[in-house]
Amino acid sequence: MSYSANGGAWFRGTGFILGILLLVTVVLGIYWSSEPGEDFYLSKESEVRFRALQNSKITGVETTKTLISVADTLLYKPGGFLSNDIFPPGVWLDNIPNWEYGALIQVRDLSKAMRESFSRSQSQSTEDADLALAEPRFNFDHNSWMLPASEKQYKEATMYLQQYLDRLVDDDATDAQFFARADNLRNWLRTVETRLGSLSQRLSASVGQRRINTDLAGEENASQSTPAPAELEVKTPWMEIDDVFYEARGSTWALLQFLRAMEKDFADVLEKKNARVSLQQIIRELEAAQEPILSPMIVNGSGFGMLANHSLVMASYISRANAAIIDLRELLSKG
């Protein structure tokens, strides 16, 4: 009888402990699933550097600071970088890892533009040494949890960005430059345009669409590797709808921060081209895409059905932002 009683007490105690652990894990998972808002999560090194540069008017400082800040936020927000987690609760979460991936794509695109365009006076000029080391590290696999971990590569990338920033504000280090030219901005916006166009199409596919194949439209002698049907049935699998939605949320969040920074660094260019209003309209559309989600889940109602479709709402904001980007690129191309 005593053995049975002791065994029952042991099982009850174990069950109680497991229940507490499960509750803590669930609460922690909910906390970690919160999307970053207006405030960045910075490393101590970034905080020290940015405090010293608070009132800096040097061209390129705002864009570089913001790129570092977005990368830091991916690493130091609640729960840290979750995409490569293999333990609970991170391994159970999928919304924030998809949000991280969307933001990371924008970080990769801007770091590439920094290396290839913004820091170079012309195509034959020498690339910046620190940016050349930062850009490939941001392109490291975001799902790697060891040997090396993704976080290690991204932290090294931000370290090189910080070194570039230090040289950028140093009057004696003229080898670091940021060229705020209309053609540089236009080239980066072309990449942004393709990213947003893809996201808009993927979001719209939440309800399923029959699309006419326009791959070869506008070119009489155009050809492609393999034949494709004249019409395509495109529909996002039900289990992937929230993944695409949160990837779009992360991508638009990061892009919003970058455009706000470039509004400052490219102020003279935008004024000369009378294009500041166009940029502000893009920012406004992206701000609307970041409104809080009041539903406990991403609803996938039909286009004109009784239930909302969050993916279509997001696609609408992204499409309008993308149309404004096309207009902005056109303005920047004019003399």
Protein backbone atom coordinates (compact mmCIF):
# COMPACT_ATOMS: atom_id res chain seq x y z
CA MET A 1 0.00 0.00 0.00
CA SER A 2 2.82 2.41 0.86
CA TYR A 3 4.53 1.65 -2.46
CA SER A 4 1.32 2.37 -4.34
CA ALA A 5 0.76 5.59 -2.43
CA ASN A 6 4.34 6.73 -2.99
CA GLY A 7 4.07 5.86 -6.67
CA GLY A 8 0.84 7.82 -7.03
CA ALA A 9 2.36 10.83 -5.29
CA TRP A 10 5.39 10.63 -7.59
CA PHE A 11 3.20 10.57 -10.69
CA ARG A 12 1.08 13.46 -9.41
CA GLY A 13 4.23 15.48 -8.62
CA THR A 14 5.71 14.75 -12.02
CA GLY A 15 2.46 15.66 -13.75
CA PHE A 16 2.27 18.92 -11.79
CA ILE A 17 5.84 19.87 -12.76
CA LEU A 18 5.23 18.99 -16.41
CA GLY A 19 2.03 21.03 -16.35
CA ILE A 20 3.87 24.06 -14.96
CA LEU A 21 6.62 23.66 -17.58
CA LEU A 22 4.03 23.42 -20.34
CA LEU A 23 2.24 26.53 -19.06
CA VAL A 24 5.51 28.49 -18.87
CA THR A 25 6.41 27.34 -22.38
CA VAL A 26 3.03 28.41 -23.78
CA VAL A 27 3.20 31.84 -22.11
CA LEU A 28 6.78 32.29 -23.29
CA GLY A 29 5.77 31.29 -26.82
CA ILE A 30 2.98 33.88 -26.83
CA TYR A 31 5.41 36.56 -25.63
CA TRP A 32 8.00 35.61 -28.24
CA SER A 33 5.33 35.73 -30.96
CA SER A 34 4.91 39.50 -30.58
CA GLU A 35 6.03 41.40 -33.68
CA PRO A 36 8.50 44.26 -33.14
CA GLY A 37 6.93 47.68 -33.49
CA GLU A 38 8.43 51.15 -33.76
CA ASP A 39 11.29 50.50 -31.32
CA PHE A 40 14.40 48.57 -32.31
CA TYR A 41 16.12 45.98 -30.12
CA LEU A 42 19.79 46.95 -30.22
CA SER A 43 23.00 45.33 -29.06
CA LYS A 44 25.04 47.22 -26.48
CA GLU A 45 27.66 48.03 -29.13
CA SER A 46 25.03 49.58 -31.38
CA GLU A 47 23.52 51.59 -28.54
CA VAL A 48 26.91 53.13 -27.73
CA ARG A 49 27.65 53.99 -31.37
CA PHE A 50 24.22 55.40 -32.09
CA ARG A 51 24.23 57.56 -28.97
CA ALA A 52 27.39 59.25 -30.24
CA LEU A 53 25.83 59.75 -33.69
CA GLN A 54 22.45 61.00 -32.50
CA ASN A 55 22.72 64.38 -34.23
CA SER A 56 24.95 63.38 -37.14
CA LYS A 57 24.13 64.93 -40.51
CA ILE A 58 26.64 62.87 -42.49
CA THR A 59 25.14 61.33 -45.62
CA GLY A 60 24.54 57.60 -45.26
CA VAL A 61 24.56 57.47 -41.46
CA GLU A 62 20.78 57.04 -41.14
CA THR A 63 20.59 54.26 -43.72
CA THR A 64 23.55 52.39 -42.23
CA LYS A 65 22.25 52.81 -38.68
CA THR A 66 18.84 51.52 -39.72
CA LEU A 67 20.29 48.49 -41.50
CA ILE A 68 22.22 47.64 -38.34
CA SER A 69 19.13 48.29 -36.21
CA VAL A 70 16.91 45.96 -38.25
CA ALA A 71 19.57 43.23 -38.16
CA ASP A 72 19.99 43.73 -34.40
CA THR A 73 16.23 43.49 -33.90
CA LEU A 74 16.20 40.10 -35.61
CA LEU A 75 18.84 38.92 -33.15
CA TYR A 76 17.88 40.63 -29.88
CA LYS A 77 14.08 40.85 -29.88
CA PRO A 78 12.21 38.69 -27.31
CA GLY A 79 13.28 35.11 -27.89
CA GLY A 80 16.16 36.17 -30.12
CA PHE A 81 16.42 34.71 -33.62
CA LEU A 82 13.82 31.90 -33.74
CA SER A 83 14.11 30.56 -37.30
CA ASN A 84 16.75 28.00 -36.36
CA ASP A 85 15.43 27.00 -32.91
CA ILE A 86 15.25 23.27 -32.21
CA PHE A 87 13.87 23.45 -28.65
CA PRO A 88 10.47 24.56 -27.30
CA PRO A 89 8.84 26.99 -27.55
CA GLY A 90 10.79 28.30 -30.56
CA VAL A 91 10.53 25.06 -32.49
CA TRP A 92 6.72 25.20 -32.22
CA LEU A 93 6.42 28.75 -33.53
CA ASP A 94 6.10 29.56 -37.21
CA ASN A 95 4.65 33.09 -37.48
CA ILE A 96 7.68 34.95 -36.15
CA PRO A 97 10.22 32.79 -38.04
CA ASN A 98 8.38 33.68 -41.25
CA TRP A 99 8.33 37.34 -40.15
CA GLU A 100 12.10 37.07 -39.58
CA TYR A 101 12.63 35.64 -43.05
CA GLY A 102 10.70 38.47 -44.69
CA ALA A 103 12.76 41.08 -42.82
CA LEU A 104 15.98 39.19 -43.52
CA ILE A 105 15.32 39.26 -47.28
CA GLN A 106 15.11 43.06 -47.13
CA VAL A 107 18.32 43.18 -45.06
CA ARG A 108 20.07 41.05 -47.68
CA ASP A 109 18.85 43.24 -50.53
CA LEU A 110 19.94 46.48 -48.87
CA SER A 111 23.33 45.10 -47.80
CA LYS A 112 23.88 44.04 -51.41
CA ALA A 113 22.92 47.52 -52.63
CA MET A 114 25.23 49.08 -50.04
CA ARG A 115 28.11 46.95 -51.29
CA GLU A 116 27.47 47.34 -55.01
CA SER A 117 25.98 50.84 -55.36
CA PHE A 118 25.64 53.16 -52.40
CA SER A 119 29.28 52.91 -51.29
CA ARG A 120 30.79 53.13 -54.80
CA SER A 121 31.18 56.18 -57.03
CA GLN A 122 31.01 54.18 -60.26
CA SER A 123 30.98 50.61 -61.56
CA GLN A 124 34.79 50.42 -61.87
CA SER A 125 35.48 51.73 -58.35
CA THR A 126 36.74 49.50 -55.53
CA GLU A 127 34.12 48.02 -53.23
CA ASP A 128 34.24 48.76 -49.51
CA ALA A 129 36.13 46.06 -47.61
CA ASP A 130 33.75 45.88 -44.63
CA LEU A 131 30.62 45.83 -46.75
CA ALA A 132 32.16 43.08 -48.89
CA LEU A 133 32.47 40.98 -45.72
CA ALA A 134 29.05 41.87 -44.31
CA GLU A 135 26.91 41.10 -47.35
CA PRO A 136 27.73 37.36 -47.77
CA ARG A 137 27.25 36.75 -44.05
CA PHE A 138 23.68 38.03 -44.22
CA ASN A 139 23.11 35.50 -47.01
CA PHE A 140 24.02 32.60 -44.75
CA ASP A 141 21.32 29.91 -44.24
CA HIS A 142 18.77 31.22 -41.71
CA ASN A 143 17.91 27.70 -40.51
CA SER A 144 21.40 26.69 -39.34
CA TRP A 145 21.56 26.15 -35.58
CA MET A 146 25.23 25.17 -35.25
CA LEU A 147 28.60 24.87 -37.04
CA PRO A 148 28.06 27.80 -37.42
CA ALA A 149 24.77 29.10 -36.09
CA SER A 150 22.90 31.66 -38.17
CA GLU A 151 23.14 34.17 -35.32
CA LYS A 152 26.92 34.00 -35.36
CA GLN A 153 27.08 34.90 -39.04
CA TYR A 154 24.57 37.74 -38.71
CA LYS A 155 26.36 39.18 -35.68
CA GLU A 156 29.60 39.20 -37.64
CA ALA A 157 27.80 40.95 -40.50
CA THR A 158 26.56 43.71 -38.17
CA MET A 159 30.07 44.04 -36.75
CA TYR A 160 31.42 44.80 -40.23
CA LEU A 161 28.59 47.27 -40.80
CA GLN A 162 29.53 49.00 -37.56
CA GLN A 163 33.15 49.21 -38.72
CA TYR A 164 31.98 50.76 -41.99
CA LEU A 165 29.86 53.24 -40.01
CA ASP A 166 32.85 54.17 -37.84
CA ARG A 167 34.90 54.96 -40.95
CA LEU A 168 31.99 56.77 -42.57
CA VAL A 169 31.85 59.36 -39.79
CA ASP A 170 35.64 59.61 -39.40
CA ASP A 171 36.97 62.67 -41.25
CA ASP A 172 40.39 61.01 -41.52
CA ALA A 173 39.04 57.80 -43.11
CA THR A 174 38.04 58.94 -46.59
CA ASP A 175 37.95 55.39 -47.92
CA ALA A 176 34.38 54.93 -46.61
CA GLN A 177 31.71 56.75 -48.60
CA PHE A 178 27.95 56.74 -49.14
CA PHE A 179 26.80 58.24 -52.43
CA ALA A 180 23.21 59.52 -52.23
CA ARG A 181 22.53 59.64 -55.97
CA ALA A 182 19.28 59.21 -57.84
CA ASP A 183 20.60 56.28 -59.88
CA ASN A 184 21.71 54.39 -56.74
CA LEU A 185 18.31 54.83 -55.13
CA ARG A 186 16.55 53.86 -58.34
CA ASN A 187 18.56 50.64 -58.67
CA TRP A 188 17.71 49.53 -55.14
CA LEU A 189 14.05 50.41 -55.64
CA ARG A 190 14.00 48.13 -58.69
CA THR A 191 14.85 45.21 -56.40
CA VAL A 192 12.23 46.34 -53.88
CA GLU A 193 9.69 46.49 -56.69
CA THR A 194 10.25 42.85 -57.66
CA ARG A 195 10.08 41.71 -54.01
CA LEU A 196 6.80 43.47 -53.38
CA GLY A 197 5.35 42.27 -56.68
CA SER A 198 6.08 38.67 -55.73
CA LEU A 199 4.62 39.09 -52.25
CA SER A 200 1.47 40.67 -53.65
CA GLN A 201 0.93 37.76 -56.03
CA ARG A 202 1.53 35.16 -53.32
CA LEU A 203 -0.84 36.90 -50.93
CA SER A 204 -3.54 37.18 -53.60
CA ALA A 205 -3.27 33.44 -54.26
CA SER A 206 -4.80 32.78 -50.82
CA VAL A 207 -8.24 32.54 -52.46
CA GLY A 208 -7.08 30.76 -55.60
CA GLN A 209 -6.91 32.32 -59.04
CA ARG A 210 -6.89 31.32 -62.67
CA ARG A 211 -4.19 33.48 -64.24
CA ILE A 212 -3.42 33.93 -67.92
CA ASN A 213 0.22 33.17 -68.61
CA THR A 214 1.85 36.49 -69.52
CA ASP A 215 5.46 35.32 -69.23
CA LEU A 216 6.24 36.11 -72.87
CA ALA A 217 3.90 39.06 -73.35
CA GLY A 218 5.21 42.09 -75.23
CA GLU A 219 8.04 40.36 -77.10
CA GLU A 220 7.35 38.78 -80.49
CA ASN A 221 10.42 36.54 -80.63
CA ALA A 222 10.64 35.74 -76.91
CA SER A 223 11.05 32.12 -75.85
CA GLN A 224 11.43 30.10 -72.65
CA SER A 225 13.17 26.90 -71.63
CA THR A 226 10.12 24.63 -71.32
CA PRO A 227 6.50 25.07 -72.50
CA ALA A 228 3.88 26.30 -70.04
CA PRO A 229 0.05 26.22 -70.15
CA ALA A 230 -1.85 29.26 -71.38
CA GLU A 231 -3.72 29.48 -68.06
CA LEU A 232 -2.46 28.66 -64.59
CA GLU A 233 -4.35 27.68 -61.45
CA VAL A 234 -2.60 29.39 -58.53
CA LYS A 235 -3.63 28.78 -54.93
CA THR A 236 -1.64 28.92 -51.71
CA PRO A 237 -1.97 25.71 -49.66
CA TRP A 238 -4.16 26.25 -46.59
CA MET A 239 -1.30 25.51 -44.16
CA GLU A 240 0.96 28.10 -45.81
CA ILE A 241 -1.40 31.08 -45.87
CA ASP A 242 -0.29 32.48 -42.51
CA ASP A 243 3.36 31.79 -43.44
CA VAL A 244 3.12 34.03 -46.51
CA PHE A 245 1.20 36.65 -44.54
CA TYR A 246 3.81 36.94 -41.79
CA GLU A 247 6.66 36.91 -44.30
CA ALA A 248 4.97 39.92 -45.93
CA ARG A 249 4.57 41.59 -42.52
CA GLY A 250 8.27 41.20 -41.78
CA SER A 251 9.32 42.34 -45.23
CA THR A 252 7.16 45.47 -45.15
CA TRP A 253 8.26 46.28 -41.58
CA ALA A 254 11.95 46.24 -42.55
CA LEU A 255 11.30 48.13 -45.79
CA LEU A 256 9.38 50.79 -43.88
CA GLN A 257 12.39 51.42 -41.63
CA PHE A 258 14.77 51.63 -44.59
CA LEU A 259 12.60 54.10 -46.51
CA ARG A 260 12.27 56.35 -43.47
CA ALA A 261 16.05 56.44 -43.22
CA MET A 262 16.51 57.11 -46.92
CA GLU A 263 14.06 59.98 -46.78
CA LYS A 264 16.72 61.70 -44.65
CA ASP A 265 19.86 60.58 -46.47
CA PHE A 266 18.42 61.29 -49.92
CA ALA A 267 16.61 64.48 -48.91
CA ASP A 268 18.43 66.69 -51.44
CA VAL A 269 17.88 64.23 -54.29
CA LEU A 270 14.19 63.88 -53.48
CA GLU A 271 13.73 67.64 -53.28
CA LYS A 272 15.48 68.21 -56.60
CA LYS A 273 13.33 65.57 -58.31
CA ASN A 274 10.20 66.78 -56.48
CA ALA A 275 9.78 63.19 -55.33
CA ARG A 276 9.53 63.48 -51.55
CA VAL A 277 5.73 63.25 -51.62
CA SER A 278 5.92 60.02 -53.63
CA LEU A 279 8.24 58.48 -51.05
CA GLN A 280 5.99 59.62 -48.23
CA GLN A 281 3.03 57.94 -49.92
CA ILE A 282 4.95 54.65 -50.05
CA ILE A 283 5.76 55.02 -46.35
CA ARG A 284 2.11 55.67 -45.56
CA GLU A 285 0.98 52.51 -47.38
CA LEU A 286 3.58 50.44 -45.54
CA GLU A 287 2.55 51.94 -42.21
CA ALA A 288 -1.02 50.84 -42.92
CA ALA A 289 0.27 47.33 -43.62
CA GLN A 290 1.68 47.27 -40.08
CA GLU A 291 -1.60 47.95 -38.28
CA PRO A 292 -2.19 45.58 -35.31
CA ILE A 293 -3.92 42.29 -36.12
CA LEU A 294 -7.06 42.07 -33.98
CA SER A 295 -7.93 38.51 -34.97
CA PRO A 296 -6.37 35.57 -33.07
CA MET A 297 -5.66 33.89 -36.40
CA ILE A 298 -5.15 34.82 -40.05
CA VAL A 299 -8.60 34.51 -41.62
CA ASN A 300 -8.87 33.23 -45.16
CA GLY A 301 -12.35 34.28 -46.26
CA SER A 302 -13.25 34.45 -49.93
CA GLY A 303 -12.80 37.71 -51.78
CA PHE A 304 -16.41 38.92 -51.32
CA GLY A 305 -17.51 36.43 -48.65
CA MET A 306 -18.78 37.01 -45.11
CA LEU A 307 -15.37 36.55 -43.49
CA ALA A 308 -12.38 38.83 -43.94
CA ASN A 309 -9.30 37.78 -45.85
CA HIS A 310 -6.21 39.24 -44.18
CA SER A 311 -3.97 38.17 -47.06
CA LEU A 312 -5.98 40.18 -49.59
CA VAL A 313 -5.92 43.24 -47.33
CA MET A 314 -2.14 42.98 -47.03
CA ALA A 315 -1.85 42.43 -50.79
CA SER A 316 -3.84 45.62 -51.38
CA TYR A 317 -1.46 47.75 -49.30
CA ILE A 318 1.60 46.15 -50.87
CA SER A 319 0.25 46.61 -54.39
CA ARG A 320 -0.42 50.30 -53.75
CA ALA A 321 3.06 50.75 -52.27
CA ASN A 322 4.54 48.96 -55.26
CA ALA A 323 2.66 51.20 -57.71
CA ALA A 324 4.00 54.23 -55.86
CA ILE A 325 7.53 52.81 -56.07
CA ILE A 326 7.16 52.48 -59.84
CA ASP A 327 6.11 56.14 -60.00
CA LEU A 328 9.02 57.15 -57.76
CA ARG A 329 11.53 55.31 -59.95
CA GLU A 330 10.10 57.11 -62.97
CA LEU A 331 10.52 60.47 -61.25
CA LEU A 332 14.10 59.66 -60.27
CA SER A 333 14.99 58.75 -63.86
CA LYS A 334 14.07 62.21 -65.12
CA GLY A 335 16.65 64.97 -65.32
